[in-house]
Amino acid sequence: MSIQSVREYLSPLGLSDKILEFETSSATVELAAQAAGVIPARIAKSLSLMLPEGPILLVTAGDARIDNPRFKAQFHAKAKMLGADAVVERIGHAVGGVCPFAIREGVRTFLDESLKRFDTVFPACGSANSAIELSCAQLEAAAQGFAGWVDVCKDWRDAT
């Protein structure tokens, strides 16, 4: 999948015109923050994980890290990241452009509470040089396979 598939996915929601395409890479939190001109915490990173029942996306703030005990309590399994090849196969986007839009059928998307401290956040849009600025409500409404809000991350509660 690609930025074009994300554009097509977001079009009926009236959001495709909000996609930002950068001259530089936005493949990491730091690069995306530089490209968007925001602090890294406002980058909504999409983590591709495997649970016994299948792959999930966990979208977190850029400064948040998975808290393993919280994750295990929520999902009843250890957090297991997918490898780069498996991300493309199971999620539908390449690492650096993974987002909760235009993903493979059956992938559940969870949004972490770490995002809620910001008015808007910037998830990728299917390529290593794209993003979109959305409120948390817009992100929730647009996230394909949205399965709920979770609180499974650490290192963000005392951050700006």
N, C-alpha and C. Protein backbone atom coordinates (compact mmCIF):
# COMPACT_ATOMS: atom_id res chain seq x y z
N MET A 1 0.85 -1.16 0.00
CA MET A 1 0.00 0.00 0.00
C MET A 1 0.90 1.23 0.00
N SER A 2 0.29 2.39 -0.07
CA SER A 2 1.10 3.58 -0.30
C SER A 2 0.36 4.83 0.14
N ILE A 3 1.01 5.94 -0.08
CA ILE A 3 0.36 7.22 0.22
C ILE A 3 -0.90 7.38 -0.63
N GLN A 4 -0.89 6.82 -1.86
CA GLN A 4 -2.08 6.93 -2.71
C GLN A 4 -3.24 6.13 -2.11
N SER A 5 -2.97 4.96 -1.56
CA SER A 5 -4.05 4.18 -0.94
C SER A 5 -4.57 4.89 0.30
N VAL A 6 -3.68 5.56 1.05
CA VAL A 6 -4.11 6.33 2.22
C VAL A 6 -4.96 7.51 1.76
N ARG A 7 -4.54 8.19 0.70
CA ARG A 7 -5.31 9.32 0.17
C ARG A 7 -6.73 8.86 -0.20
N GLU A 8 -6.82 7.71 -0.88
CA GLU A 8 -8.13 7.17 -1.27
C GLU A 8 -8.95 6.78 -0.04
N TYR A 9 -8.29 6.21 0.96
CA TYR A 9 -8.98 5.83 2.19
C TYR A 9 -9.53 7.05 2.94
N LEU A 10 -8.72 8.11 3.01
CA LEU A 10 -9.12 9.31 3.77
C LEU A 10 -10.08 10.22 3.01
N SER A 11 -10.17 10.07 1.70
CA SER A 11 -11.00 10.94 0.87
C SER A 11 -12.47 10.97 1.30
N PRO A 12 -13.14 9.82 1.49
CA PRO A 12 -14.54 9.86 1.89
C PRO A 12 -14.76 10.51 3.27
N LEU A 13 -13.69 10.57 4.06
CA LEU A 13 -13.77 11.19 5.38
C LEU A 13 -13.49 12.70 5.32
N GLY A 14 -13.21 13.19 4.12
CA GLY A 14 -12.91 14.60 3.93
C GLY A 14 -11.55 15.01 4.47
N LEU A 15 -10.62 14.06 4.56
CA LEU A 15 -9.32 14.35 5.16
C LEU A 15 -8.14 14.27 4.19
N SER A 16 -8.37 13.80 2.97
CA SER A 16 -7.24 13.58 2.07
C SER A 16 -6.49 14.87 1.73
N ASP A 17 -7.18 16.00 1.74
CA ASP A 17 -6.51 17.27 1.42
C ASP A 17 -5.64 17.77 2.57
N LYS A 18 -5.70 17.10 3.72
CA LYS A 18 -4.87 17.49 4.88
C LYS A 18 -3.52 16.77 4.91
N ILE A 19 -3.32 15.82 4.00
CA ILE A 19 -2.06 15.07 3.96
C ILE A 19 -0.91 16.01 3.61
N LEU A 20 0.13 15.92 4.39
CA LEU A 20 1.34 16.71 4.17
C LEU A 20 2.39 15.81 3.54
N GLU A 21 3.02 16.27 2.46
CA GLU A 21 4.14 15.54 1.86
C GLU A 21 5.37 16.41 2.00
N PHE A 22 6.43 15.83 2.55
CA PHE A 22 7.64 16.56 2.86
C PHE A 22 8.73 16.32 1.82
N GLU A 23 9.62 17.29 1.70
CA GLU A 23 10.79 17.16 0.81
C GLU A 23 11.82 16.20 1.42
N THR A 24 11.76 16.05 2.75
CA THR A 24 12.73 15.22 3.46
C THR A 24 12.03 14.02 4.08
N SER A 25 12.80 13.09 4.56
CA SER A 25 12.25 11.89 5.20
C SER A 25 11.55 12.23 6.51
N SER A 26 10.46 11.51 6.75
CA SER A 26 9.76 11.60 8.03
C SER A 26 9.61 10.19 8.61
N ALA A 27 10.59 9.34 8.30
CA ALA A 27 10.51 7.91 8.62
C ALA A 27 10.72 7.58 10.09
N THR A 28 11.29 8.51 10.87
CA THR A 28 11.45 8.29 12.30
C THR A 28 10.74 9.41 13.05
N VAL A 29 10.53 9.22 14.32
CA VAL A 29 9.88 10.25 15.13
C VAL A 29 10.65 11.57 15.01
N GLU A 30 11.96 11.50 15.15
CA GLU A 30 12.77 12.72 15.12
C GLU A 30 12.68 13.41 13.76
N LEU A 31 12.81 12.64 12.68
CA LEU A 31 12.72 13.22 11.34
C LEU A 31 11.33 13.78 11.05
N ALA A 32 10.31 13.07 11.48
CA ALA A 32 8.94 13.54 11.28
C ALA A 32 8.69 14.85 12.03
N ALA A 33 9.21 14.93 13.26
CA ALA A 33 9.05 16.15 14.04
C ALA A 33 9.73 17.33 13.36
N GLN A 34 10.93 17.10 12.84
CA GLN A 34 11.64 18.16 12.11
C GLN A 34 10.86 18.58 10.88
N ALA A 35 10.38 17.61 10.11
CA ALA A 35 9.66 17.92 8.88
C ALA A 35 8.36 18.66 9.15
N ALA A 36 7.66 18.28 10.22
CA ALA A 36 6.37 18.91 10.55
C ALA A 36 6.54 20.18 11.39
N GLY A 37 7.73 20.39 11.94
CA GLY A 37 7.97 21.57 12.76
C GLY A 37 7.30 21.51 14.12
N VAL A 38 7.27 20.31 14.70
CA VAL A 38 6.64 20.12 16.01
C VAL A 38 7.59 19.35 16.92
N ILE A 39 7.24 19.27 18.21
CA ILE A 39 8.04 18.48 19.13
C ILE A 39 7.83 16.99 18.83
N PRO A 40 8.83 16.15 19.06
CA PRO A 40 8.71 14.72 18.76
C PRO A 40 7.51 14.04 19.43
N ALA A 41 7.14 14.47 20.59
CA ALA A 41 6.02 13.83 21.30
C ALA A 41 4.72 13.90 20.50
N ARG A 42 4.56 14.91 19.66
CA ARG A 42 3.31 15.07 18.88
C ARG A 42 3.26 14.18 17.64
N ILE A 43 4.33 13.45 17.37
CA ILE A 43 4.30 12.49 16.26
C ILE A 43 3.59 11.23 16.76
N ALA A 44 2.56 10.82 16.06
CA ALA A 44 1.80 9.63 16.43
C ALA A 44 2.44 8.43 15.73
N LYS A 45 3.29 7.72 16.49
CA LYS A 45 3.99 6.58 15.88
C LYS A 45 3.12 5.34 15.95
N SER A 46 3.16 4.58 14.87
CA SER A 46 2.36 3.36 14.76
C SER A 46 3.28 2.16 14.91
N LEU A 47 3.09 1.42 15.99
CA LEU A 47 3.89 0.24 16.28
C LEU A 47 3.14 -1.00 15.80
N SER A 48 3.82 -1.84 15.04
CA SER A 48 3.23 -3.06 14.50
C SER A 48 3.60 -4.22 15.41
N LEU A 49 2.60 -4.83 16.02
CA LEU A 49 2.83 -5.88 17.01
C LEU A 49 2.02 -7.12 16.66
N MET A 50 2.49 -8.26 17.15
CA MET A 50 1.78 -9.52 16.93
C MET A 50 1.26 -10.05 18.26
N LEU A 51 -0.02 -10.34 18.28
CA LEU A 51 -0.66 -11.01 19.41
C LEU A 51 -1.05 -12.41 18.95
N PRO A 52 -1.35 -13.31 19.88
CA PRO A 52 -1.75 -14.66 19.46
C PRO A 52 -2.92 -14.68 18.46
N GLU A 53 -3.83 -13.71 18.58
CA GLU A 53 -4.98 -13.66 17.67
C GLU A 53 -4.73 -12.88 16.40
N GLY A 54 -3.53 -12.34 16.22
CA GLY A 54 -3.21 -11.64 14.98
C GLY A 54 -2.51 -10.33 15.21
N PRO A 55 -2.16 -9.62 14.11
CA PRO A 55 -1.42 -8.37 14.22
C PRO A 55 -2.30 -7.21 14.68
N ILE A 56 -1.67 -6.29 15.40
CA ILE A 56 -2.34 -5.06 15.81
C ILE A 56 -1.42 -3.88 15.52
N LEU A 57 -2.02 -2.71 15.44
CA LEU A 57 -1.28 -1.45 15.43
C LEU A 57 -1.55 -0.78 16.77
N LEU A 58 -0.50 -0.28 17.37
CA LEU A 58 -0.60 0.51 18.58
C LEU A 58 -0.05 1.88 18.25
N VAL A 59 -0.91 2.89 18.25
CA VAL A 59 -0.49 4.25 17.92
C VAL A 59 -0.26 4.99 19.22
N THR A 60 0.98 5.50 19.40
CA THR A 60 1.38 6.15 20.65
C THR A 60 1.99 7.52 20.34
N ALA A 61 2.13 8.33 21.37
CA ALA A 61 2.86 9.58 21.23
C ALA A 61 4.33 9.27 20.97
N GLY A 62 5.00 10.19 20.30
CA GLY A 62 6.38 9.98 19.90
C GLY A 62 7.36 9.78 21.03
N ASP A 63 7.02 10.27 22.23
CA ASP A 63 7.93 10.12 23.37
C ASP A 63 7.55 8.97 24.29
N ALA A 64 6.54 8.21 23.93
CA ALA A 64 6.07 7.11 24.77
C ALA A 64 6.74 5.80 24.35
N ARG A 65 6.95 4.93 25.34
CA ARG A 65 7.49 3.59 25.09
C ARG A 65 6.54 2.58 25.72
N ILE A 66 6.50 1.40 25.15
CA ILE A 66 5.63 0.36 25.70
C ILE A 66 6.09 0.01 27.11
N ASP A 67 5.15 -0.02 28.01
CA ASP A 67 5.37 -0.48 29.38
C ASP A 67 4.96 -1.95 29.39
N ASN A 68 5.93 -2.85 29.44
CA ASN A 68 5.63 -4.27 29.28
C ASN A 68 4.60 -4.82 30.26
N PRO A 69 4.66 -4.50 31.57
CA PRO A 69 3.62 -5.00 32.47
C PRO A 69 2.21 -4.47 32.12
N ARG A 70 2.12 -3.20 31.74
CA ARG A 70 0.81 -2.64 31.34
C ARG A 70 0.31 -3.32 30.06
N PHE A 71 1.22 -3.51 29.11
CA PHE A 71 0.85 -4.15 27.85
C PHE A 71 0.32 -5.56 28.11
N LYS A 72 1.05 -6.32 28.92
CA LYS A 72 0.65 -7.70 29.21
C LYS A 72 -0.69 -7.75 29.95
N ALA A 73 -0.91 -6.81 30.86
CA ALA A 73 -2.19 -6.76 31.58
C ALA A 73 -3.35 -6.45 30.62
N GLN A 74 -3.10 -5.60 29.65
CA GLN A 74 -4.15 -5.21 28.69
C GLN A 74 -4.42 -6.31 27.67
N PHE A 75 -3.35 -6.87 27.10
CA PHE A 75 -3.49 -7.80 25.97
C PHE A 75 -3.25 -9.27 26.32
N HIS A 76 -2.85 -9.56 27.55
CA HIS A 76 -2.62 -10.93 28.00
C HIS A 76 -1.55 -11.63 27.17
N ALA A 77 -0.58 -10.85 26.72
CA ALA A 77 0.54 -11.38 25.94
C ALA A 77 1.70 -10.39 26.00
N LYS A 78 2.90 -10.88 25.74
CA LYS A 78 4.07 -9.99 25.66
C LYS A 78 4.00 -9.17 24.37
N ALA A 79 4.56 -7.97 24.44
CA ALA A 79 4.65 -7.13 23.25
C ALA A 79 5.70 -7.72 22.32
N LYS A 80 5.29 -8.12 21.13
CA LYS A 80 6.21 -8.70 20.15
C LYS A 80 6.11 -7.89 18.86
N MET A 81 7.19 -7.14 18.57
CA MET A 81 7.23 -6.32 17.37
C MET A 81 7.37 -7.20 16.13
N LEU A 82 6.70 -6.80 15.06
CA LEU A 82 6.86 -7.48 13.78
C LEU A 82 8.15 -7.02 13.11
N GLY A 83 8.81 -7.91 12.41
CA GLY A 83 9.97 -7.54 11.60
C GLY A 83 9.53 -6.73 10.39
N ALA A 84 10.47 -6.06 9.74
CA ALA A 84 10.15 -5.17 8.62
C ALA A 84 9.37 -5.87 7.50
N ASP A 85 9.78 -7.07 7.11
CA ASP A 85 9.07 -7.79 6.05
C ASP A 85 7.66 -8.16 6.49
N ALA A 86 7.52 -8.58 7.73
CA ALA A 86 6.20 -8.96 8.25
C ALA A 86 5.28 -7.74 8.37
N VAL A 87 5.85 -6.57 8.63
CA VAL A 87 5.02 -5.35 8.71
C VAL A 87 4.35 -5.11 7.37
N VAL A 88 5.11 -5.18 6.29
CA VAL A 88 4.53 -4.97 4.96
C VAL A 88 3.48 -6.03 4.67
N GLU A 89 3.80 -7.29 4.96
CA GLU A 89 2.89 -8.40 4.67
C GLU A 89 1.62 -8.36 5.53
N ARG A 90 1.77 -8.13 6.84
CA ARG A 90 0.65 -8.25 7.76
C ARG A 90 -0.13 -6.95 7.96
N ILE A 91 0.56 -5.80 7.87
CA ILE A 91 -0.08 -4.49 8.11
C ILE A 91 -0.42 -3.81 6.79
N GLY A 92 0.53 -3.83 5.85
CA GLY A 92 0.25 -3.26 4.55
C GLY A 92 1.06 -2.03 4.18
N HIS A 93 1.86 -1.53 5.09
CA HIS A 93 2.72 -0.39 4.81
C HIS A 93 4.15 -0.75 5.20
N ALA A 94 5.12 -0.08 4.57
CA ALA A 94 6.52 -0.30 4.91
C ALA A 94 6.89 0.50 6.15
N VAL A 95 7.84 0.00 6.91
CA VAL A 95 8.35 0.71 8.08
C VAL A 95 8.78 2.11 7.64
N GLY A 96 8.43 3.11 8.42
CA GLY A 96 8.69 4.50 8.08
C GLY A 96 7.45 5.21 7.59
N GLY A 97 6.47 4.44 7.12
CA GLY A 97 5.21 5.01 6.65
C GLY A 97 4.00 4.33 7.25
N VAL A 98 4.22 3.47 8.24
CA VAL A 98 3.12 2.72 8.86
C VAL A 98 2.16 3.70 9.52
N CYS A 99 0.88 3.48 9.27
CA CYS A 99 -0.17 4.33 9.81
C CYS A 99 -1.45 3.51 9.94
N PRO A 100 -2.44 4.02 10.65
CA PRO A 100 -3.68 3.26 10.83
C PRO A 100 -4.71 3.49 9.73
N PHE A 101 -4.25 3.85 8.53
CA PHE A 101 -5.14 4.12 7.39
C PHE A 101 -4.78 3.20 6.24
N ALA A 102 -5.80 2.67 5.55
CA ALA A 102 -5.58 1.80 4.39
C ALA A 102 -4.66 0.62 4.75
N ILE A 103 -5.02 -0.06 5.82
CA ILE A 103 -4.25 -1.22 6.26
C ILE A 103 -4.98 -2.50 5.87
N ARG A 104 -4.34 -3.62 6.09
CA ARG A 104 -4.94 -4.91 5.74
C ARG A 104 -6.18 -5.18 6.61
N GLU A 105 -7.13 -5.86 6.01
CA GLU A 105 -8.34 -6.24 6.74
C GLU A 105 -7.97 -7.12 7.93
N GLY A 106 -8.66 -6.95 9.03
CA GLY A 106 -8.46 -7.77 10.22
C GLY A 106 -7.44 -7.23 11.20
N VAL A 107 -6.69 -6.20 10.81
CA VAL A 107 -5.74 -5.59 11.75
C VAL A 107 -6.53 -4.65 12.67
N ARG A 108 -6.37 -4.88 13.97
CA ARG A 108 -7.04 -4.00 14.94
C ARG A 108 -6.09 -2.86 15.31
N THR A 109 -6.64 -1.66 15.46
CA THR A 109 -5.86 -0.49 15.82
C THR A 109 -6.25 0.00 17.20
N PHE A 110 -5.26 0.18 18.05
CA PHE A 110 -5.46 0.72 19.39
C PHE A 110 -4.72 2.05 19.49
N LEU A 111 -5.34 3.02 20.14
CA LEU A 111 -4.72 4.32 20.36
C LEU A 111 -4.35 4.43 21.82
N ASP A 112 -3.11 4.86 22.10
CA ASP A 112 -2.66 4.97 23.48
C ASP A 112 -3.02 6.33 24.07
N GLU A 113 -3.33 6.32 25.37
CA GLU A 113 -3.69 7.53 26.11
C GLU A 113 -2.63 8.63 26.02
N SER A 114 -1.39 8.27 25.73
CA SER A 114 -0.31 9.26 25.65
C SER A 114 -0.60 10.33 24.59
N LEU A 115 -1.44 10.02 23.62
CA LEU A 115 -1.78 10.98 22.56
C LEU A 115 -2.73 12.07 23.04
N LYS A 116 -3.56 11.76 24.03
CA LYS A 116 -4.65 12.65 24.43
C LYS A 116 -4.21 13.98 25.05
N ARG A 117 -2.93 14.13 25.38
CA ARG A 117 -2.50 15.39 25.99
C ARG A 117 -2.27 16.48 24.95
N PHE A 118 -2.42 16.15 23.66
CA PHE A 118 -2.20 17.12 22.59
C PHE A 118 -3.51 17.43 21.86
N ASP A 119 -3.63 18.68 21.43
CA ASP A 119 -4.81 19.06 20.62
C ASP A 119 -4.79 18.34 19.29
N THR A 120 -3.60 18.24 18.68
CA THR A 120 -3.45 17.53 17.42
C THR A 120 -2.16 16.71 17.44
N VAL A 121 -2.16 15.64 16.65
CA VAL A 121 -0.98 14.77 16.51
C VAL A 121 -0.76 14.51 15.02
N PHE A 122 0.39 13.93 14.70
CA PHE A 122 0.81 13.74 13.31
C PHE A 122 1.16 12.29 13.01
N PRO A 123 0.21 11.46 12.60
CA PRO A 123 0.56 10.13 12.12
C PRO A 123 1.07 10.18 10.68
N ALA A 124 1.81 9.16 10.28
CA ALA A 124 2.28 9.03 8.91
C ALA A 124 1.09 8.74 7.99
N CYS A 125 1.35 8.76 6.70
CA CYS A 125 0.29 8.51 5.72
C CYS A 125 0.71 7.52 4.63
N GLY A 126 1.45 6.48 5.01
CA GLY A 126 1.77 5.43 4.07
C GLY A 126 3.08 5.55 3.33
N SER A 127 3.82 6.63 3.57
CA SER A 127 5.13 6.79 2.94
C SER A 127 6.10 7.35 3.97
N ALA A 128 7.38 7.32 3.63
CA ALA A 128 8.43 7.78 4.54
C ALA A 128 8.66 9.29 4.45
N ASN A 129 7.71 10.00 3.83
CA ASN A 129 7.83 11.46 3.78
C ASN A 129 6.45 12.12 3.83
N SER A 130 5.57 11.56 4.66
CA SER A 130 4.21 12.10 4.76
C SER A 130 3.70 12.06 6.19
N ALA A 131 2.68 12.88 6.42
CA ALA A 131 1.98 12.91 7.71
C ALA A 131 0.66 13.62 7.50
N ILE A 132 -0.15 13.61 8.54
CA ILE A 132 -1.40 14.35 8.54
C ILE A 132 -1.62 14.86 9.96
N GLU A 133 -2.07 16.08 10.09
CA GLU A 133 -2.36 16.64 11.41
C GLU A 133 -3.83 16.40 11.72
N LEU A 134 -4.08 15.65 12.81
CA LEU A 134 -5.44 15.29 13.21
C LEU A 134 -5.62 15.50 14.71
N SER A 135 -6.83 15.83 15.10
CA SER A 135 -7.17 15.81 16.52
C SER A 135 -7.30 14.34 16.92
N CYS A 136 -7.30 14.08 18.21
CA CYS A 136 -7.47 12.69 18.67
C CYS A 136 -8.83 12.14 18.24
N ALA A 137 -9.86 12.98 18.24
CA ALA A 137 -11.18 12.54 17.80
C ALA A 137 -11.16 12.19 16.32
N GLN A 138 -10.48 12.99 15.50
CA GLN A 138 -10.36 12.69 14.08
C GLN A 138 -9.56 11.41 13.86
N LEU A 139 -8.48 11.24 14.62
CA LEU A 139 -7.66 10.04 14.50
C LEU A 139 -8.49 8.81 14.86
N GLU A 140 -9.24 8.89 15.93
CA GLU A 140 -10.09 7.77 16.34
C GLU A 140 -11.10 7.43 15.24
N ALA A 141 -11.73 8.45 14.68
CA ALA A 141 -12.74 8.23 13.65
C ALA A 141 -12.14 7.68 12.36
N ALA A 142 -10.91 8.08 12.05
CA ALA A 142 -10.28 7.67 10.79
C ALA A 142 -9.51 6.36 10.89
N ALA A 143 -9.11 5.97 12.09
CA ALA A 143 -8.28 4.77 12.26
C ALA A 143 -9.04 3.52 11.81
N GLN A 144 -8.51 2.85 10.82
CA GLN A 144 -9.13 1.62 10.34
C GLN A 144 -8.99 0.53 11.39
N GLY A 145 -10.05 -0.20 11.64
CA GLY A 145 -10.00 -1.28 12.62
C GLY A 145 -9.89 -0.78 14.05
N PHE A 146 -10.36 0.47 14.31
CA PHE A 146 -10.24 1.03 15.66
C PHE A 146 -10.89 0.10 16.67
N ALA A 147 -10.11 -0.28 17.69
CA ALA A 147 -10.59 -1.23 18.69
C ALA A 147 -10.61 -0.65 20.10
N GLY A 148 -10.16 0.60 20.26
CA GLY A 148 -10.26 1.23 21.56
C GLY A 148 -9.01 1.99 21.98
N TRP A 149 -9.19 2.76 23.05
CA TRP A 149 -8.10 3.48 23.69
C TRP A 149 -7.51 2.58 24.77
N VAL A 150 -6.20 2.58 24.90
CA VAL A 150 -5.51 1.79 25.91
C VAL A 150 -4.49 2.67 26.62
N ASP A 151 -4.02 2.20 27.77
CA ASP A 151 -2.98 2.90 28.53
C ASP A 151 -1.87 1.90 28.78
N VAL A 152 -0.97 1.75 27.79
CA VAL A 152 0.06 0.71 27.86
C VAL A 152 1.47 1.27 27.67
N CYS A 153 1.63 2.57 27.81
CA CYS A 153 2.95 3.17 27.59
C CYS A 153 3.48 3.88 28.83
N LYS A 154 4.79 4.14 28.80
CA LYS A 154 5.46 4.84 29.90
C LYS A 154 6.32 5.96 29.31
N ASP A 155 6.93 6.71 30.21
CA ASP A 155 7.89 7.77 29.88
C ASP A 155 7.26 9.03 29.33
N TRP A 156 5.93 9.14 29.33
CA TRP A 156 5.31 10.34 28.78
C TRP A 156 4.56 11.17 29.83
N ARG A 157 4.21 10.59 30.95
CA ARG A 157 3.33 11.27 31.90
C ARG A 157 3.91 12.58 32.46
N ASP A 158 5.22 12.64 32.63
CA ASP A 158 5.83 13.86 33.18
C ASP A 158 6.43 14.73 32.09
N ALA A 159 6.24 14.33 30.83
CA ALA A 159 6.83 15.08 29.72
C ALA A 159 5.89 16.21 29.29
N THR A 160 6.43 17.13 28.54
CA THR A 160 5.64 18.25 28.02
C THR A 160 4.81 17.81 26.86
